[in-house]
Amino acid sequence: MAAVTISFLKPGEQDMLEECLTESGLPVTLKSSDLLREYSAKGSLAREDIIPILKGEIGRRAKPNRMPAIKISNTVYAKYFKPGQPVKEVQEIVRKALELYFKK
């Protein structure tokens, strides 16, 4: 599939890619071939972009800064919280407990 995508590059771009592949020994993945084609379509595929694209350094989508989800085992939850207790209330209890814990 990557080869099909690469076939859409201009002949000069294909030559640059071949030289970069020979020099670096890096493989062409489907993701990198898609990005190479995208750059080519925009008219902005330059030699200095090819190896970073192949390495995956260009085109990575930044992952949003998400807070990790915290899980509480069923046993602990049942011990400290009532069945059907609202989530907001549980969150507030945990927040207050953590504040007390870290004050020590």
N, C-alpha and C. Protein backbone atom coordinates (compact mmCIF):
# COMPACT_ATOMS: atom_id res chain seq x y z
N MET A 1 0.82 -1.20 0.00
CA MET A 1 0.00 0.00 0.00
C MET A 1 0.87 1.26 0.00
N ALA A 2 1.97 1.24 0.74
CA ALA A 2 2.84 2.42 0.78
C ALA A 2 3.42 2.71 -0.60
N ALA A 3 3.72 1.64 -1.36
CA ALA A 3 4.28 1.82 -2.70
C ALA A 3 3.28 2.51 -3.62
N VAL A 4 2.02 2.20 -3.48
CA VAL A 4 0.99 2.84 -4.31
C VAL A 4 0.95 4.34 -3.99
N THR A 5 1.01 4.67 -2.72
CA THR A 5 0.97 6.07 -2.31
C THR A 5 2.20 6.81 -2.83
N ILE A 6 3.36 6.17 -2.76
CA ILE A 6 4.60 6.79 -3.23
C ILE A 6 4.54 7.04 -4.74
N SER A 7 3.81 6.21 -5.46
CA SER A 7 3.74 6.37 -6.91
C SER A 7 3.09 7.69 -7.31
N PHE A 8 2.39 8.34 -6.38
CA PHE A 8 1.77 9.63 -6.67
C PHE A 8 2.75 10.79 -6.52
N LEU A 9 3.95 10.55 -5.97
CA LEU A 9 4.96 11.60 -5.86
C LEU A 9 5.47 11.94 -7.25
N LYS A 10 5.92 13.17 -7.41
CA LYS A 10 6.52 13.60 -8.68
C LYS A 10 7.80 12.81 -8.89
N PRO A 11 8.22 12.58 -10.14
CA PRO A 11 9.44 11.80 -10.40
C PRO A 11 10.67 12.31 -9.65
N GLY A 12 10.86 13.61 -9.58
CA GLY A 12 12.00 14.17 -8.85
C GLY A 12 11.92 13.87 -7.36
N GLU A 13 10.71 13.90 -6.82
CA GLU A 13 10.51 13.60 -5.40
C GLU A 13 10.76 12.11 -5.13
N GLN A 14 10.36 11.27 -6.08
CA GLN A 14 10.63 9.84 -5.93
C GLN A 14 12.13 9.58 -5.93
N ASP A 15 12.88 10.32 -6.77
CA ASP A 15 14.34 10.17 -6.80
C ASP A 15 14.95 10.60 -5.46
N MET A 16 14.47 11.74 -4.93
CA MET A 16 14.97 12.20 -3.62
C MET A 16 14.68 11.16 -2.55
N LEU A 17 13.48 10.60 -2.59
CA LEU A 17 13.08 9.59 -1.60
C LEU A 17 13.98 8.36 -1.71
N GLU A 18 14.24 7.94 -2.93
CA GLU A 18 15.10 6.77 -3.13
C GLU A 18 16.50 7.02 -2.56
N GLU A 19 17.04 8.20 -2.80
CA GLU A 19 18.37 8.55 -2.26
C GLU A 19 18.35 8.53 -0.73
N CYS A 20 17.31 9.11 -0.15
CA CYS A 20 17.21 9.15 1.31
C CYS A 20 17.06 7.75 1.89
N LEU A 21 16.29 6.90 1.21
CA LEU A 21 16.12 5.52 1.69
C LEU A 21 17.44 4.76 1.63
N THR A 22 18.19 4.98 0.57
CA THR A 22 19.48 4.31 0.42
C THR A 22 20.46 4.76 1.50
N GLU A 23 20.48 6.07 1.75
CA GLU A 23 21.40 6.63 2.76
C GLU A 23 21.03 6.21 4.17
N SER A 24 19.73 6.24 4.47
CA SER A 24 19.31 6.04 5.86
C SER A 24 18.97 4.59 6.21
N GLY A 25 18.53 3.83 5.23
CA GLY A 25 18.11 2.46 5.50
C GLY A 25 16.78 2.37 6.23
N LEU A 26 16.07 3.48 6.28
CA LEU A 26 14.78 3.51 6.97
C LEU A 26 13.70 2.91 6.08
N PRO A 27 12.68 2.30 6.67
CA PRO A 27 11.57 1.76 5.88
C PRO A 27 10.53 2.85 5.60
N VAL A 28 9.71 2.62 4.60
CA VAL A 28 8.59 3.51 4.32
C VAL A 28 7.34 2.83 4.86
N THR A 29 6.71 3.45 5.82
CA THR A 29 5.48 2.92 6.38
C THR A 29 4.30 3.55 5.66
N LEU A 30 3.14 3.01 5.88
CA LEU A 30 1.94 3.57 5.27
C LEU A 30 1.72 5.00 5.76
N LYS A 31 1.96 5.22 7.03
CA LYS A 31 1.79 6.56 7.61
C LYS A 31 2.77 7.55 6.99
N SER A 32 4.04 7.15 6.86
CA SER A 32 5.02 8.06 6.29
C SER A 32 4.76 8.30 4.81
N SER A 33 4.30 7.28 4.08
CA SER A 33 4.01 7.47 2.66
C SER A 33 2.84 8.43 2.47
N ASP A 34 1.84 8.34 3.35
CA ASP A 34 0.72 9.28 3.29
C ASP A 34 1.18 10.70 3.53
N LEU A 35 2.08 10.88 4.48
CA LEU A 35 2.58 12.21 4.80
C LEU A 35 3.45 12.74 3.66
N LEU A 36 4.27 11.87 3.06
CA LEU A 36 5.07 12.29 1.91
C LEU A 36 4.17 12.76 0.77
N ARG A 37 3.11 12.02 0.52
CA ARG A 37 2.18 12.39 -0.55
C ARG A 37 1.48 13.72 -0.22
N GLU A 38 1.12 13.90 1.05
CA GLU A 38 0.47 15.14 1.47
C GLU A 38 1.39 16.34 1.24
N TYR A 39 2.66 16.21 1.63
CA TYR A 39 3.63 17.28 1.41
C TYR A 39 3.80 17.54 -0.09
N SER A 40 3.85 16.48 -0.88
CA SER A 40 4.02 16.61 -2.32
C SER A 40 2.84 17.35 -2.93
N ALA A 41 1.63 17.01 -2.51
CA ALA A 41 0.44 17.65 -3.05
C ALA A 41 0.41 19.14 -2.75
N LYS A 42 0.96 19.51 -1.59
CA LYS A 42 1.03 20.93 -1.22
C LYS A 42 2.18 21.63 -1.93
N GLY A 43 3.06 20.84 -2.57
CA GLY A 43 4.22 21.42 -3.23
C GLY A 43 5.33 21.79 -2.28
N SER A 44 5.32 21.18 -1.11
CA SER A 44 6.32 21.56 -0.10
C SER A 44 7.21 20.40 0.33
N LEU A 45 7.31 19.33 -0.47
CA LEU A 45 8.17 18.21 -0.10
C LEU A 45 9.61 18.55 -0.46
N ALA A 46 10.42 18.75 0.54
CA ALA A 46 11.84 19.06 0.35
C ALA A 46 12.68 17.91 0.86
N ARG A 47 13.88 17.81 0.36
CA ARG A 47 14.79 16.73 0.75
C ARG A 47 14.99 16.69 2.27
N GLU A 48 15.10 17.86 2.88
CA GLU A 48 15.34 17.89 4.33
C GLU A 48 14.13 17.45 5.15
N ASP A 49 12.98 17.30 4.50
CA ASP A 49 11.78 16.82 5.20
C ASP A 49 11.66 15.30 5.16
N ILE A 50 12.27 14.67 4.18
CA ILE A 50 12.01 13.25 3.93
C ILE A 50 12.47 12.36 5.08
N ILE A 51 13.71 12.50 5.53
CA ILE A 51 14.20 11.62 6.61
C ILE A 51 13.43 11.84 7.91
N PRO A 52 13.17 13.10 8.31
CA PRO A 52 12.34 13.26 9.52
C PRO A 52 10.95 12.65 9.38
N ILE A 53 10.38 12.69 8.18
CA ILE A 53 9.08 12.06 7.97
C ILE A 53 9.22 10.55 8.12
N LEU A 54 10.26 9.97 7.53
CA LEU A 54 10.46 8.52 7.62
C LEU A 54 10.71 8.08 9.06
N LYS A 55 11.40 8.93 9.83
CA LYS A 55 11.68 8.62 11.24
C LYS A 55 10.46 8.83 12.12
N GLY A 56 9.45 9.52 11.59
CA GLY A 56 8.26 9.81 12.39
C GLY A 56 8.38 11.06 13.22
N GLU A 57 9.40 11.86 12.94
CA GLU A 57 9.60 13.09 13.71
C GLU A 57 8.69 14.22 13.22
N ILE A 58 8.28 14.14 11.98
CA ILE A 58 7.35 15.12 11.42
C ILE A 58 6.03 14.40 11.23
N GLY A 59 4.97 15.07 11.60
CA GLY A 59 3.66 14.50 11.37
C GLY A 59 3.04 13.86 12.58
N ARG A 60 3.79 13.77 13.66
CA ARG A 60 3.18 13.22 14.87
C ARG A 60 2.14 14.20 15.36
N ARG A 61 1.03 13.67 15.67
CA ARG A 61 0.00 14.52 16.25
C ARG A 61 0.23 14.57 17.75
N ALA A 62 0.29 15.77 18.25
CA ALA A 62 0.50 15.92 19.68
C ALA A 62 -0.72 15.40 20.43
N LYS A 63 -0.46 14.60 21.42
CA LYS A 63 -1.55 14.08 22.23
C LYS A 63 -1.99 15.17 23.20
N PRO A 64 -3.27 15.33 23.36
CA PRO A 64 -3.73 16.35 24.29
C PRO A 64 -3.28 16.03 25.71
N ASN A 65 -3.04 17.08 26.46
CA ASN A 65 -2.64 16.91 27.86
C ASN A 65 -3.85 16.46 28.66
N ARG A 66 -3.98 15.17 28.80
CA ARG A 66 -5.11 14.64 29.54
C ARG A 66 -4.66 14.21 30.92
N MET A 67 -5.55 14.39 31.84
CA MET A 67 -5.28 13.91 33.18
C MET A 67 -5.56 12.41 33.19
N PRO A 68 -4.76 11.65 33.91
CA PRO A 68 -5.00 10.20 33.94
C PRO A 68 -6.29 9.87 34.69
N ALA A 69 -6.97 8.86 34.21
CA ALA A 69 -8.18 8.40 34.90
C ALA A 69 -7.75 7.55 36.09
N ILE A 70 -8.36 7.79 37.20
CA ILE A 70 -8.04 7.05 38.41
C ILE A 70 -9.18 6.08 38.69
N LYS A 71 -8.83 4.84 38.97
CA LYS A 71 -9.85 3.82 39.24
C LYS A 71 -9.74 3.39 40.71
N ILE A 72 -10.89 3.15 41.27
CA ILE A 72 -10.96 2.67 42.64
C ILE A 72 -11.58 1.28 42.59
N SER A 73 -10.95 0.34 43.28
CA SER A 73 -11.48 -1.04 43.25
C SER A 73 -12.89 -1.07 43.84
N ASN A 74 -13.65 -2.07 43.44
CA ASN A 74 -15.02 -2.22 43.94
C ASN A 74 -15.05 -2.38 45.46
N THR A 75 -14.06 -3.07 45.99
CA THR A 75 -14.00 -3.31 47.43
C THR A 75 -13.83 -1.99 48.19
N VAL A 76 -12.88 -1.17 47.75
CA VAL A 76 -12.63 0.12 48.41
C VAL A 76 -13.84 1.03 48.23
N TYR A 77 -14.39 1.05 47.02
CA TYR A 77 -15.56 1.90 46.75
C TYR A 77 -16.73 1.52 47.66
N ALA A 78 -16.99 0.23 47.77
CA ALA A 78 -18.10 -0.24 48.61
C ALA A 78 -17.86 0.06 50.08
N LYS A 79 -16.59 0.05 50.50
CA LYS A 79 -16.26 0.29 51.90
C LYS A 79 -16.50 1.76 52.29
N TYR A 80 -16.20 2.70 51.40
CA TYR A 80 -16.23 4.12 51.75
C TYR A 80 -17.39 4.92 51.16
N PHE A 81 -18.09 4.37 50.18
CA PHE A 81 -19.17 5.12 49.53
C PHE A 81 -20.45 4.30 49.49
N LYS A 82 -21.58 5.02 49.48
CA LYS A 82 -22.89 4.38 49.44
C LYS A 82 -23.26 4.04 47.99
N PRO A 83 -23.99 2.98 47.79
CA PRO A 83 -24.47 2.68 46.43
C PRO A 83 -25.35 3.83 45.93
N GLY A 84 -25.15 4.24 44.71
CA GLY A 84 -25.95 5.32 44.13
C GLY A 84 -25.53 6.71 44.55
N GLN A 85 -24.40 6.82 45.26
CA GLN A 85 -23.90 8.13 45.67
C GLN A 85 -23.48 8.90 44.42
N PRO A 86 -23.87 10.18 44.30
CA PRO A 86 -23.53 10.96 43.11
C PRO A 86 -22.01 11.07 42.89
N VAL A 87 -21.62 11.04 41.62
CA VAL A 87 -20.20 11.10 41.26
C VAL A 87 -19.55 12.37 41.79
N LYS A 88 -20.24 13.48 41.68
CA LYS A 88 -19.69 14.76 42.16
C LYS A 88 -19.37 14.69 43.66
N GLU A 89 -20.24 14.05 44.39
CA GLU A 89 -20.04 13.92 45.83
C GLU A 89 -18.81 13.04 46.12
N VAL A 90 -18.68 11.94 45.39
CA VAL A 90 -17.53 11.05 45.56
C VAL A 90 -16.24 11.80 45.22
N GLN A 91 -16.27 12.56 44.15
CA GLN A 91 -15.09 13.34 43.75
C GLN A 91 -14.70 14.35 44.83
N GLU A 92 -15.69 14.99 45.41
CA GLU A 92 -15.42 15.98 46.45
C GLU A 92 -14.82 15.31 47.70
N ILE A 93 -15.32 14.14 48.05
CA ILE A 93 -14.79 13.40 49.20
C ILE A 93 -13.33 13.01 48.95
N VAL A 94 -13.05 12.52 47.76
CA VAL A 94 -11.68 12.12 47.41
C VAL A 94 -10.77 13.34 47.43
N ARG A 95 -11.24 14.48 46.89
CA ARG A 95 -10.44 15.71 46.88
C ARG A 95 -10.08 16.13 48.31
N LYS A 96 -11.08 16.14 49.19
CA LYS A 96 -10.84 16.54 50.57
C LYS A 96 -9.90 15.57 51.28
N ALA A 97 -10.08 14.29 51.02
CA ALA A 97 -9.21 13.28 51.64
C ALA A 97 -7.77 13.46 51.18
N LEU A 98 -7.58 13.76 49.91
CA LEU A 98 -6.21 13.97 49.39
C LEU A 98 -5.59 15.24 49.99
N GLU A 99 -6.40 16.28 50.14
CA GLU A 99 -5.88 17.50 50.77
C GLU A 99 -5.39 17.21 52.18
N LEU A 100 -6.19 16.47 52.95
CA LEU A 100 -5.77 16.11 54.31
C LEU A 100 -4.51 15.25 54.29
N TYR A 101 -4.46 14.30 53.39
CA TYR A 101 -3.31 13.39 53.29
C TYR A 101 -2.03 14.16 53.00
N PHE A 102 -2.09 15.11 52.06
CA PHE A 102 -0.87 15.80 51.66
C PHE A 102 -0.51 16.97 52.60
N LYS A 103 -1.37 17.31 53.53
CA LYS A 103 -1.04 18.34 54.53
C LYS A 103 -0.05 17.79 55.55
N LYS A 104 -0.03 16.49 55.72
CA LYS A 104 0.84 15.86 56.72
C LYS A 104 2.29 16.06 56.38
